[in-house]
Amino acid sequence: MLEYIETTWTQYINTGFIPDQDTRVVMTYIFPSVAPAGAPLGAYGFLFGARKNANGSDSSQTFSAVYSTDGTFRSDYSRLYDITSLTSDFYDQKLTIDQNKETVKLYNEQNEYLVDYVHTKKYFQSEVTMYFPAAHTGNGLTAVAPLKIIDFKIYDNGILVRDYIPVRQISDGAIGMFDKVTQTFYGNAGTGSFIAGPVVGE
């Protein structure tokens, strides 16, 4: 088991899960102020996402969260651009996002909330699977975020269906996320390789 895996702008996980209005995602991550080589800062990136399109209406059928390096955080629920909040201190610290149905919270290790918001309840189902740390938009990939990913959980109407931890496989050395629910290794669905964090357990 690793402390984290890190992206270099082109690596992401395809969860195989299609979200709807009752999905919950809990993700712990670190956004480094100095990104690894090949991961330019100054552009936006998704923590996670699944959306039919990017037209900004309820037809987007989106469940996602995205940030940019100027401190702008956005949570999308059914439609894009549903909330934009400014946070000024999220570099180089462990943060957790808990997007639970229409409620979204972003907080640090001291349980100080950077975002605490409730969307208008909607009823929808995406047509595509969820990616992280990126968005699955229609048939394409959008905006991988340069993150250190510590863990990632998905709940389907209160039932835990994915529980990812960062690992390096013993058999072939591949770096990715292991889902404790399905006992399945999820490798990089993009290009290049994840960067492995320190080993913290077996």
C-alpha atoms as a PDB file:
ATOM      1  CA  MET A   1       0.000   0.000   0.000  1.00  0.00           C
ATOM      2  CA  LEU A   2       1.187   3.511  -0.819  1.00  0.00           C
ATOM      3  CA  GLU A   3       0.607   6.803   0.965  1.00  0.00           C
ATOM      4  CA  TYR A   4      -0.640   8.239  -2.322  1.00  0.00           C
ATOM      5  CA  ILE A   5      -0.300   8.081  -6.090  1.00  0.00           C
ATOM      6  CA  GLU A   6       0.426  11.238  -8.059  1.00  0.00           C
ATOM      7  CA  THR A   7      -0.698  12.266 -11.520  1.00  0.00           C
ATOM      8  CA  THR A   8       1.406  14.068 -14.108  1.00  0.00           C
ATOM      9  CA  TRP A   9      -1.516  15.473 -16.083  1.00  0.00           C
ATOM     10  CA  THR A  10      -2.265  12.359 -18.173  1.00  0.00           C
ATOM     11  CA  GLN A  11      -3.104   9.559 -15.711  1.00  0.00           C
ATOM     12  CA  TYR A  12      -6.594   8.792 -14.435  1.00  0.00           C
ATOM     13  CA  ILE A  13      -8.851   5.979 -13.212  1.00  0.00           C
ATOM     14  CA  ASN A  14     -12.061   4.850 -14.906  1.00  0.00           C
ATOM     15  CA  THR A  15     -14.276   3.655 -12.053  1.00  0.00           C
ATOM     16  CA  GLY A  16     -16.808   1.896 -14.287  1.00  0.00           C
ATOM     17  CA  PHE A  17     -19.537   3.448 -12.111  1.00  0.00           C
ATOM     18  CA  ILE A  18     -22.338   5.594 -13.577  1.00  0.00           C
ATOM     19  CA  PRO A  19     -23.480   8.247 -11.057  1.00  0.00           C
ATOM     20  CA  ASP A  20     -26.954   9.649 -10.481  1.00  0.00           C
ATOM     21  CA  GLN A  21     -28.640  12.049  -8.056  1.00  0.00           C
ATOM     22  CA  ASP A  22     -28.031   9.672  -5.128  1.00  0.00           C
ATOM     23  CA  THR A  23     -24.287   9.223  -5.613  1.00  0.00           C
ATOM     24  CA  ARG A  24     -21.773  10.148  -2.935  1.00  0.00           C
ATOM     25  CA  VAL A  25     -18.026  10.609  -3.464  1.00  0.00           C
ATOM     26  CA  VAL A  26     -15.499  11.017  -0.648  1.00  0.00           C
ATOM     27  CA  MET A  27     -11.984  11.810  -1.856  1.00  0.00           C
ATOM     28  CA  THR A  28      -8.852  12.751   0.085  1.00  0.00           C
ATOM     29  CA  TYR A  29      -6.050  14.391  -1.870  1.00  0.00           C
ATOM     30  CA  ILE A  30      -3.203  16.912  -1.873  1.00  0.00           C
ATOM     31  CA  PHE A  31      -2.891  19.614  -4.529  1.00  0.00           C
ATOM     32  CA  PRO A  32       0.862  20.357  -4.758  1.00  0.00           C
ATOM     33  CA  SER A  33       1.964  23.936  -5.275  1.00  0.00           C
ATOM     34  CA  VAL A  34       4.791  22.591  -7.433  1.00  0.00           C
ATOM     35  CA  ALA A  35       3.477  20.016  -9.881  1.00  0.00           C
ATOM     36  CA  PRO A  36       5.592  17.177 -11.261  1.00  0.00           C
ATOM     37  CA  ALA A  37       7.345  17.623 -14.598  1.00  0.00           C
ATOM     38  CA  GLY A  38       4.880  17.565 -17.468  1.00  0.00           C
ATOM     39  CA  ALA A  39       1.994  18.816 -15.318  1.00  0.00           C
ATOM     40  CA  PRO A  40       1.638  22.545 -16.017  1.00  0.00           C
ATOM     41  CA  LEU A  41      -0.244  24.559 -13.437  1.00  0.00           C
ATOM     42  CA  GLY A  42      -2.490  27.442 -14.382  1.00  0.00           C
ATOM     43  CA  ALA A  43      -5.233  25.369 -15.990  1.00  0.00           C
ATOM     44  CA  TYR A  44      -8.270  23.745 -14.439  1.00  0.00           C
ATOM     45  CA  GLY A  45      -8.593  20.096 -13.503  1.00  0.00           C
ATOM     46  CA  PHE A  46     -11.322  17.804 -12.258  1.00  0.00           C
ATOM     47  CA  LEU A  47     -11.196  15.946  -8.952  1.00  0.00           C
ATOM     48  CA  PHE A  48     -13.750  13.555 -10.444  1.00  0.00           C
ATOM     49  CA  GLY A  49     -16.503  13.729 -12.985  1.00  0.00           C
ATOM     50  CA  ALA A  50     -19.103  12.153 -15.240  1.00  0.00           C
ATOM     51  CA  ARG A  51     -21.167  14.305 -17.568  1.00  0.00           C
ATOM     52  CA  LYS A  52     -23.071  13.845 -20.804  1.00  0.00           C
ATOM     53  CA  ASN A  53     -21.892  17.189 -22.165  1.00  0.00           C
ATOM     54  CA  ALA A  54     -20.570  20.570 -21.083  1.00  0.00           C
ATOM     55  CA  ASN A  55     -23.424  22.840 -22.131  1.00  0.00           C
ATOM     56  CA  GLY A  56     -24.242  24.157 -18.650  1.00  0.00           C
ATOM     57  CA  SER A  57     -27.834  22.929 -18.418  1.00  0.00           C
ATOM     58  CA  ASP A  58     -29.545  20.039 -16.621  1.00  0.00           C
ATOM     59  CA  SER A  59     -29.086  17.996 -19.800  1.00  0.00           C
ATOM     60  CA  SER A  60     -25.417  17.722 -18.763  1.00  0.00           C
ATOM     61  CA  GLN A  61     -26.449  15.028 -16.253  1.00  0.00           C
ATOM     62  CA  THR A  62     -23.253  15.755 -14.387  1.00  0.00           C
ATOM     63  CA  PHE A  63     -21.815  14.746 -11.023  1.00  0.00           C
ATOM     64  CA  SER A  64     -18.400  16.347 -10.716  1.00  0.00           C
ATOM     65  CA  ALA A  65     -16.028  18.677  -8.881  1.00  0.00           C
ATOM     66  CA  VAL A  66     -13.377  20.874 -10.464  1.00  0.00           C
ATOM     67  CA  TYR A  67     -10.835  23.509  -9.434  1.00  0.00           C
ATOM     68  CA  SER A  68      -8.349  25.901 -10.980  1.00  0.00           C
ATOM     69  CA  THR A  69      -5.071  27.201  -9.606  1.00  0.00           C
ATOM     70  CA  ASP A  70      -6.496  30.674  -8.920  1.00  0.00           C
ATOM     71  CA  GLY A  71      -8.490  29.140  -6.074  1.00  0.00           C
ATOM     72  CA  THR A  72     -11.780  28.645  -7.875  1.00  0.00           C
ATOM     73  CA  PHE A  73     -13.683  25.521  -6.813  1.00  0.00           C
ATOM     74  CA  ARG A  74     -16.846  24.326  -8.548  1.00  0.00           C
ATOM     75  CA  SER A  75     -19.252  21.528  -7.744  1.00  0.00           C
ATOM     76  CA  ASP A  76     -21.600  20.315 -10.493  1.00  0.00           C
ATOM     77  CA  TYR A  77     -24.823  18.478  -9.677  1.00  0.00           C
ATOM     78  CA  SER A  78     -27.122  17.730 -12.622  1.00  0.00           C
ATOM     79  CA  ARG A  79     -26.025  20.932 -14.362  1.00  0.00           C
ATOM     80  CA  LEU A  80     -22.672  22.658 -14.781  1.00  0.00           C
ATOM     81  CA  TYR A  81     -21.643  25.820 -12.961  1.00  0.00           C
ATOM     82  CA  ASP A  82     -24.081  25.252 -10.124  1.00  0.00           C
ATOM     83  CA  ILE A  83     -21.700  26.616  -7.478  1.00  0.00           C
ATOM     84  CA  THR A  84     -18.472  28.555  -7.615  1.00  0.00           C
ATOM     85  CA  SER A  85     -16.639  29.353  -4.396  1.00  0.00           C
ATOM     86  CA  LEU A  86     -13.249  30.893  -3.798  1.00  0.00           C
ATOM     87  CA  THR A  87     -10.721  29.230  -1.523  1.00  0.00           C
ATOM     88  CA  SER A  88      -7.270  30.685  -1.053  1.00  0.00           C
ATOM     89  CA  ASP A  89      -5.381  28.080   0.950  1.00  0.00           C
ATOM     90  CA  PHE A  90      -5.540  24.639  -0.565  1.00  0.00           C
ATOM     91  CA  TYR A  91      -1.959  24.041  -1.728  1.00  0.00           C
ATOM     92  CA  ASP A  92       0.225  21.352  -0.131  1.00  0.00           C
ATOM     93  CA  GLN A  93      -2.286  20.236   2.476  1.00  0.00           C
ATOM     94  CA  LYS A  94      -4.518  17.219   2.817  1.00  0.00           C
ATOM     95  CA  LEU A  95      -8.086  18.039   1.814  1.00  0.00           C
ATOM     96  CA  THR A  96     -11.244  15.945   1.686  1.00  0.00           C
ATOM     97  CA  ILE A  97     -14.213  16.519  -0.560  1.00  0.00           C
ATOM     98  CA  ASP A  98     -17.483  14.881   0.439  1.00  0.00           C
ATOM     99  CA  GLN A  99     -20.036  15.343  -2.326  1.00  0.00           C
ATOM    100  CA  ASN A 100     -23.058  13.505  -0.944  1.00  0.00           C
ATOM    101  CA  LYS A 101     -26.037  13.686  -3.307  1.00  0.00           C
ATOM    102  CA  GLU A 102     -26.911  17.396  -3.408  1.00  0.00           C
ATOM    103  CA  THR A 103     -24.632  18.347  -0.476  1.00  0.00           C
ATOM    104  CA  VAL A 104     -20.960  19.176  -0.990  1.00  0.00           C
ATOM    105  CA  LYS A 105     -18.331  19.846   1.667  1.00  0.00           C
ATOM    106  CA  LEU A 106     -14.621  20.540   1.231  1.00  0.00           C
ATOM    107  CA  TYR A 107     -12.543  20.575   4.398  1.00  0.00           C
ATOM    108  CA  ASN A 108      -8.987  20.267   5.714  1.00  0.00           C
ATOM    109  CA  GLU A 109      -7.399  18.081   8.408  1.00  0.00           C
ATOM    110  CA  GLN A 110      -8.541  20.527  11.090  1.00  0.00           C
ATOM    111  CA  ASN A 111     -12.146  20.021   9.894  1.00  0.00           C
ATOM    112  CA  GLU A 112     -12.280  23.634   8.748  1.00  0.00           C
ATOM    113  CA  TYR A 113     -14.752  23.950   5.894  1.00  0.00           C
ATOM    114  CA  LEU A 114     -13.603  25.634   2.712  1.00  0.00           C
ATOM    115  CA  VAL A 115     -16.908  24.795   1.010  1.00  0.00           C
ATOM    116  CA  ASP A 116     -20.229  23.849   2.621  1.00  0.00           C
ATOM    117  CA  TYR A 117     -23.102  24.005   0.168  1.00  0.00           C
ATOM    118  CA  VAL A 118     -26.407  22.353  -0.692  1.00  0.00           C
ATOM    119  CA  HIS A 119     -27.512  22.147  -4.329  1.00  0.00           C
ATOM    120  CA  THR A 120     -31.150  22.109  -5.386  1.00  0.00           C
ATOM    121  CA  LYS A 121     -32.269  18.462  -5.425  1.00  0.00           C
ATOM    122  CA  LYS A 122     -32.480  17.094  -8.951  1.00  0.00           C
ATOM    123  CA  TYR A 123     -33.243  13.720 -10.511  1.00  0.00           C
ATOM    124  CA  PHE A 124     -30.850  12.500 -13.163  1.00  0.00           C
ATOM    125  CA  GLN A 125     -28.512   9.708 -14.240  1.00  0.00           C
ATOM    126  CA  SER A 126     -25.317  10.192 -16.162  1.00  0.00           C
ATOM    127  CA  GLU A 127     -24.769   8.289 -19.383  1.00  0.00           C
ATOM    128  CA  VAL A 128     -21.049   7.782 -18.809  1.00  0.00           C
ATOM    129  CA  THR A 129     -18.812   6.291 -16.142  1.00  0.00           C
ATOM    130  CA  MET A 130     -17.007   8.417 -13.565  1.00  0.00           C
ATOM    131  CA  TYR A 131     -13.290   9.217 -13.914  1.00  0.00           C
ATOM    132  CA  PHE A 132     -10.880  10.564 -11.307  1.00  0.00           C
ATOM    133  CA  PRO A 133      -8.973  12.858 -11.141  1.00  0.00           C
ATOM    134  CA  ALA A 134     -10.565  13.917 -14.427  1.00  0.00           C
ATOM    135  CA  ALA A 135     -13.983  14.173 -16.042  1.00  0.00           C
ATOM    136  CA  HIS A 136     -15.591  11.752 -18.464  1.00  0.00           C
ATOM    137  CA  THR A 137     -17.435  14.054 -20.870  1.00  0.00           C
ATOM    138  CA  GLY A 138     -19.499  12.238 -23.493  1.00  0.00           C
ATOM    139  CA  ASN A 139     -17.012   9.904 -25.139  1.00  0.00           C
ATOM    140  CA  GLY A 140     -13.952  11.897 -24.139  1.00  0.00           C
ATOM    141  CA  LEU A 141     -11.544  12.823 -21.361  1.00  0.00           C
ATOM    142  CA  THR A 142     -11.532  16.307 -19.806  1.00  0.00           C
ATOM    143  CA  ALA A 143      -8.900  18.006 -17.660  1.00  0.00           C
ATOM    144  CA  VAL A 144      -6.860  15.580 -15.565  1.00  0.00           C
ATOM    145  CA  ALA A 145      -5.827  17.296 -12.327  1.00  0.00           C
ATOM    146  CA  PRO A 146      -2.223  17.079 -11.037  1.00  0.00           C
ATOM    147  CA  LEU A 147      -2.969  15.597  -7.606  1.00  0.00           C
ATOM    148  CA  LYS A 148      -1.648  13.280  -4.954  1.00  0.00           C
ATOM    149  CA  ILE A 149      -4.584  10.901  -4.471  1.00  0.00           C
ATOM    150  CA  ILE A 150      -4.811   9.386  -0.983  1.00  0.00           C
ATOM    151  CA  ASP A 151      -8.161   7.594  -1.178  1.00  0.00           C
ATOM    152  CA  PHE A 152     -11.413   7.632  -3.118  1.00  0.00           C
ATOM    153  CA  LYS A 153     -14.810   6.193  -2.164  1.00  0.00           C
ATOM    154  CA  ILE A 154     -18.099   5.943  -4.066  1.00  0.00           C
ATOM    155  CA  TYR A 155     -21.478   5.287  -2.443  1.00  0.00           C
ATOM    156  CA  ASP A 156     -24.631   4.382  -4.358  1.00  0.00           C
ATOM    157  CA  ASN A 157     -27.579   5.719  -2.334  1.00  0.00           C
ATOM    158  CA  GLY A 158     -25.727   5.052   0.922  1.00  0.00           C
ATOM    159  CA  ILE A 159     -24.118   1.740  -0.075  1.00  0.00           C
ATOM    160  CA  LEU A 160     -20.327   1.681  -0.448  1.00  0.00           C
ATOM    161  CA  VAL A 161     -19.578   0.366  -3.958  1.00  0.00           C
ATOM    162  CA  ARG A 162     -15.951   1.497  -4.457  1.00  0.00           C
ATOM    163  CA  ASP A 163     -13.244   1.926  -1.815  1.00  0.00           C
ATOM    164  CA  TYR A 164      -9.961   2.742  -3.532  1.00  0.00           C
ATOM    165  CA  ILE A 165      -6.522   2.801  -1.934  1.00  0.00           C
ATOM    166  CA  PRO A 166      -3.224   3.554  -3.741  1.00  0.00           C
ATOM    167  CA  VAL A 167      -0.992   0.549  -4.445  1.00  0.00           C
ATOM    168  CA  ARG A 168       1.867  -0.831  -6.488  1.00  0.00           C
ATOM    169  CA  GLN A 169       1.198  -4.359  -7.733  1.00  0.00           C
ATOM    170  CA  ILE A 170       3.794  -6.916  -6.679  1.00  0.00           C
ATOM    171  CA  SER A 171       3.323  -8.978  -9.843  1.00  0.00           C
ATOM    172  CA  ASP A 172       4.265  -6.333 -12.402  1.00  0.00           C
ATOM    173  CA  GLY A 173       5.023  -3.119 -10.486  1.00  0.00           C
ATOM    174  CA  ALA A 174       2.009  -1.312 -11.959  1.00  0.00           C
ATOM    175  CA  ILE A 175       0.860   1.706  -9.944  1.00  0.00           C
ATOM    176  CA  GLY A 176      -2.840   2.368  -9.497  1.00  0.00           C
ATOM    177  CA  MET A 177      -5.762   2.036  -7.115  1.00  0.00           C
ATOM    178  CA  PHE A 178      -7.075  -1.152  -5.482  1.00  0.00           C
ATOM    179  CA  ASP A 179     -10.802  -1.350  -4.793  1.00  0.00           C
ATOM    180  CA  LYS A 180     -11.387  -3.123  -1.485  1.00  0.00           C
ATOM    181  CA  VAL A 181     -15.074  -3.693  -2.267  1.00  0.00           C
ATOM    182  CA  THR A 182     -14.632  -5.659  -5.506  1.00  0.00           C
ATOM    183  CA  GLN A 183     -11.046  -6.757  -4.751  1.00  0.00           C
ATOM    184  CA  THR A 184     -10.001  -5.336  -8.126  1.00  0.00           C
ATOM    185  CA  PHE A 185      -6.906  -3.434  -9.243  1.00  0.00           C
ATOM    186  CA  TYR A 186      -7.623  -0.363 -11.360  1.00  0.00           C
ATOM    187  CA  GLY A 187      -4.661   0.724 -13.456  1.00  0.00           C
ATOM    188  CA  ASN A 188      -4.038   3.931 -15.341  1.00  0.00           C
ATOM    189  CA  ALA A 189      -6.583   4.459 -18.122  1.00  0.00           C
ATOM    190  CA  GLY A 190      -4.523   7.278 -19.635  1.00  0.00           C
ATOM    191  CA  THR A 191      -0.941   7.588 -20.810  1.00  0.00           C
ATOM    192  CA  GLY A 192       2.356   7.462 -18.959  1.00  0.00           C
ATOM    193  CA  SER A 193       2.473   6.225 -15.378  1.00  0.00           C
ATOM    194  CA  PHE A 194       1.329   7.371 -11.967  1.00  0.00           C
ATOM    195  CA  ILE A 195       4.087   8.416  -9.559  1.00  0.00           C
ATOM    196  CA  ALA A 196       4.184   6.192  -6.471  1.00  0.00           C
ATOM    197  CA  GLY A 197       4.198   7.770  -3.039  1.00  0.00           C
ATOM    198  CA  PRO A 198       5.984   6.215  -0.022  1.00  0.00           C
ATOM    199  CA  VAL A 199       5.125   2.664   1.001  1.00  0.00           C
ATOM    200  CA  VAL A 200       3.019   2.684   4.183  1.00  0.00           C
ATOM    201  CA  GLY A 201       1.847  -0.917   4.451  1.00  0.00           C
ATOM    202  CA  GLU A 202       1.207  -4.176   2.654  1.00  0.00           C
END
